[in-house]
Protein backbone atom coordinates (compact mmCIF):
# COMPACT_ATOMS: atom_id res chain seq x y z
CA MET A 1 -36.19 4.12 -53.61
CA ALA A 2 -34.34 1.78 -56.01
CA ASP A 3 -35.04 1.70 -59.73
CA SER A 4 -37.84 -0.63 -60.66
CA PRO A 5 -36.98 -3.18 -63.35
CA GLN A 6 -40.16 -2.11 -65.16
CA ILE A 7 -38.69 1.28 -66.08
CA SER A 8 -37.63 1.36 -69.70
CA GLU A 9 -34.37 3.24 -70.26
CA ALA A 10 -35.13 3.64 -73.98
CA THR A 11 -38.53 5.29 -73.66
CA GLY A 12 -38.25 6.77 -70.22
CA GLY A 13 -41.67 5.34 -69.42
CA VAL A 14 -42.99 2.63 -67.22
CA GLY A 15 -43.96 -0.50 -69.13
CA GLY A 16 -47.75 -0.69 -69.21
CA GLY A 17 -48.09 1.53 -66.15
CA THR A 18 -48.54 4.98 -67.69
CA SER A 19 -51.78 6.79 -67.17
CA GLY A 20 -53.40 10.17 -67.60
CA PRO A 21 -52.83 12.72 -70.33
CA MET A 22 -49.91 11.96 -72.64
CA GLY A 23 -49.12 8.78 -70.70
CA LEU A 24 -47.72 10.50 -67.62
CA ASP A 25 -47.04 8.30 -64.62
CA ALA A 26 -46.31 9.34 -61.02
CA VAL A 27 -42.56 9.69 -61.62
CA ASP A 28 -43.13 11.86 -64.71
CA ARG A 29 -45.44 14.06 -62.66
CA GLN A 30 -42.82 14.40 -59.89
CA ILE A 31 -40.18 15.35 -62.47
CA ILE A 32 -42.51 17.96 -64.00
CA ALA A 33 -43.30 19.48 -60.60
CA LEU A 34 -39.64 19.69 -59.63
CA LEU A 35 -38.58 21.19 -62.96
CA HIS A 36 -41.43 23.68 -62.80
CA ASP A 37 -40.13 24.85 -59.43
CA ASN A 38 -36.51 24.91 -60.65
CA ALA A 39 -35.80 24.25 -64.32
CA ARG A 40 -32.05 24.43 -63.57
CA MET A 41 -32.10 21.51 -61.12
CA PRO A 42 -29.16 19.24 -61.97
CA ASN A 43 -30.15 15.82 -63.30
CA VAL A 44 -28.42 13.99 -60.45
CA ASP A 45 -30.45 15.96 -57.87
CA LEU A 46 -33.65 15.47 -59.87
CA ALA A 47 -33.02 11.71 -60.06
CA ARG A 48 -32.34 11.52 -56.33
CA ALA A 49 -35.50 13.48 -55.52
CA VAL A 50 -37.74 11.11 -57.50
CA GLY A 51 -35.88 7.95 -56.54
CA ILE A 52 -34.48 6.79 -59.89
CA SER A 53 -31.03 6.55 -61.44
CA PRO A 54 -29.59 9.61 -63.21
CA SER A 55 -29.57 7.79 -66.58
CA THR A 56 -33.24 6.84 -66.20
CA CYS A 57 -34.08 10.38 -65.14
CA LEU A 58 -32.30 11.82 -68.16
CA ALA A 59 -34.19 9.44 -70.45
CA ARG A 60 -37.48 10.45 -68.86
CA VAL A 61 -36.77 14.17 -69.22
CA ARG A 62 -35.80 13.63 -72.88
CA SER A 63 -39.02 11.68 -73.40
CA LEU A 64 -41.06 14.47 -71.80
CA ARG A 65 -39.45 16.96 -74.20
CA GLU A 66 -39.93 14.74 -77.25
CA ARG A 67 -43.60 14.16 -76.40
CA GLY A 68 -44.20 17.89 -76.03
CA VAL A 69 -44.91 17.77 -72.30
CA ILE A 70 -41.94 20.04 -71.56
CA ILE A 71 -42.13 22.77 -74.16
CA ARG A 72 -39.24 24.99 -73.10
CA TYR A 73 -37.11 26.10 -70.18
CA THR A 74 -37.27 29.73 -69.22
CA ALA A 75 -36.23 32.21 -66.57
CA GLU A 76 -38.98 34.10 -64.79
CA ILE A 77 -37.85 37.70 -64.53
CA ASN A 78 -39.12 40.06 -61.86
CA PRO A 79 -40.81 42.87 -63.85
CA LEU A 80 -39.82 45.39 -61.16
CA ALA A 81 -36.15 44.74 -61.96
CA LEU A 82 -36.82 46.06 -65.48
CA GLY A 83 -38.80 49.08 -64.32
CA PHE A 84 -42.25 47.62 -64.93
CA THR A 85 -44.08 48.65 -61.77
CA LEU A 86 -47.59 47.98 -63.08
CA GLN A 87 -49.29 45.02 -64.72
CA ALA A 88 -52.71 45.12 -66.33
CA LEU A 89 -55.16 42.87 -68.14
CA VAL A 90 -56.76 44.47 -71.16
CA SER A 91 -59.89 42.87 -72.61
CA VAL A 92 -60.50 43.54 -76.29
CA ARG A 93 -63.61 43.09 -78.39
CA ILE A 94 -63.26 43.23 -82.17
CA ARG A 95 -66.04 44.75 -84.33
CA PRO A 96 -68.21 42.08 -85.97
CA GLY A 97 -67.29 43.30 -89.49
CA ALA A 98 -63.57 43.11 -88.72
CA ARG A 99 -63.32 39.56 -87.42
CA HIS A 100 -61.27 38.57 -90.48
CA LEU A 101 -58.49 40.80 -89.09
CA MET A 102 -58.13 38.92 -85.79
CA GLU A 103 -55.02 36.99 -86.80
CA GLN A 104 -53.34 40.16 -88.04
CA ILE A 105 -54.25 42.01 -84.82
CA SER A 106 -52.93 39.10 -82.76
CA ASP A 107 -49.65 39.08 -84.72
CA GLU A 108 -49.22 42.83 -84.19
CA LEU A 109 -49.96 42.63 -80.46
CA ARG A 110 -47.44 39.83 -79.92
CA THR A 111 -44.66 42.08 -81.21
CA GLN A 112 -45.30 44.77 -78.58
CA PRO A 113 -42.69 44.74 -75.80
CA GLU A 114 -45.33 45.43 -73.12
CA VAL A 115 -47.25 42.23 -73.93
CA ALA A 116 -46.36 39.46 -71.47
CA GLN A 117 -49.19 37.13 -72.52
CA LEU A 118 -51.90 37.20 -75.15
CA PHE A 119 -55.01 35.05 -74.95
CA PHE A 120 -57.45 34.49 -77.82
CA LEU A 121 -60.82 33.91 -76.19
CA GLY A 122 -64.22 32.44 -76.86
CA GLY A 123 -67.02 34.45 -75.29
CA SER A 124 -67.92 38.11 -75.22
CA GLU A 125 -64.29 39.28 -75.47
CA ASP A 126 -61.90 38.30 -78.26
CA PHE A 127 -58.53 38.91 -76.63
CA LEU A 128 -57.14 39.26 -73.15
CA ILE A 129 -53.76 40.97 -73.06
CA HIS A 130 -51.48 40.79 -70.02
CA VAL A 131 -49.20 43.83 -70.17
CA ARG A 132 -46.26 44.91 -68.05
CA VAL A 133 -45.74 48.67 -68.01
CA ARG A 134 -43.89 51.40 -66.14
CA ASP A 135 -46.97 53.22 -64.84
CA SER A 136 -50.61 54.11 -65.55
CA GLU A 137 -49.61 56.56 -68.29
CA HIS A 138 -47.68 53.77 -70.03
CA VAL A 139 -50.72 51.45 -70.03
CA ARG A 140 -52.89 54.34 -71.26
CA GLN A 141 -50.51 54.97 -74.16
CA PHE A 142 -50.38 51.25 -74.96
CA VAL A 143 -54.18 51.06 -75.17
CA LEU A 144 -54.48 54.27 -77.20
CA LYS A 145 -51.71 53.41 -79.68
CA ASN A 146 -52.28 49.68 -80.14
CA LEU A 147 -55.99 49.26 -79.58
CA SER A 148 -58.18 52.38 -79.54
CA ALA A 149 -56.55 53.74 -82.70
CA ASN A 150 -57.36 50.50 -84.54
CA PRO A 151 -60.73 50.80 -86.35
CA ALA A 152 -61.26 47.03 -85.95
CA VAL A 153 -61.39 47.35 -82.15
CA ALA A 154 -64.89 47.91 -80.79
CA LEU A 155 -64.18 47.95 -77.06
CA THR A 156 -61.37 47.71 -74.53
CA GLU A 157 -61.48 47.32 -70.77
CA THR A 158 -58.39 47.63 -68.60
CA ASN A 159 -58.02 46.00 -65.19
CA LEU A 160 -54.98 46.54 -62.98
CA VAL A 161 -53.23 43.49 -61.56
CA PHE A 162 -52.53 43.73 -57.84
CA GLU A 163 -51.02 40.25 -57.49
CA HIS A 164 -50.00 37.53 -59.95
CA HIS A 165 -49.37 33.81 -59.34
CA THR A 166 -47.90 31.32 -61.78
CA ALA A 167 -49.82 28.18 -62.72
CA LEU A 168 -48.07 25.89 -60.25
CA SER A 169 -48.84 28.11 -57.28
CA ALA A 170 -52.39 28.64 -58.53
CA GLY A 171 -53.37 24.98 -58.70
CA LEU A 172 -51.27 22.97 -61.19
CA ARG A 173 -49.60 21.19 -58.28
CA THR A 174 -52.94 19.52 -57.37
CA VAL A 175 -53.01 17.64 -60.69
CA LEU A 176 -49.35 16.64 -60.44
């Protein structure tokens, strides 16, 4: 597909034709999907795949970064390669009288090497912690040391993860 004269090289957007959240058009969505699958895809291949010139593609990617659509590029590491054979989700409820400590608890949890993701929740639980650990004893020690020993923590519940899918494989592709 040839470049459309409506594409603005300066903004990386389509003049008057953007739609959806943050002004994403169909080409932006294609770029996002391709970069999500392979963030190291060379610009020339990315441009060819979406049917625009490399300079236009580069401008669009820059625009997506500047607008905060693309936050960062990262490598997804297989936890098994690092010896983490078990993943778990730990739900945490903070005592009602200790709710003022939630930011401090969150800050402390984010520094723990086992924590892959930390979610601050609305609902019956306050935090959901995704941990990567060596084995069941490792997750037990993590919970005991970082949660159960904390007087602000009222309750924890640990669930083992049997399988994990990233956002794109779990449904993001349908909105792109």
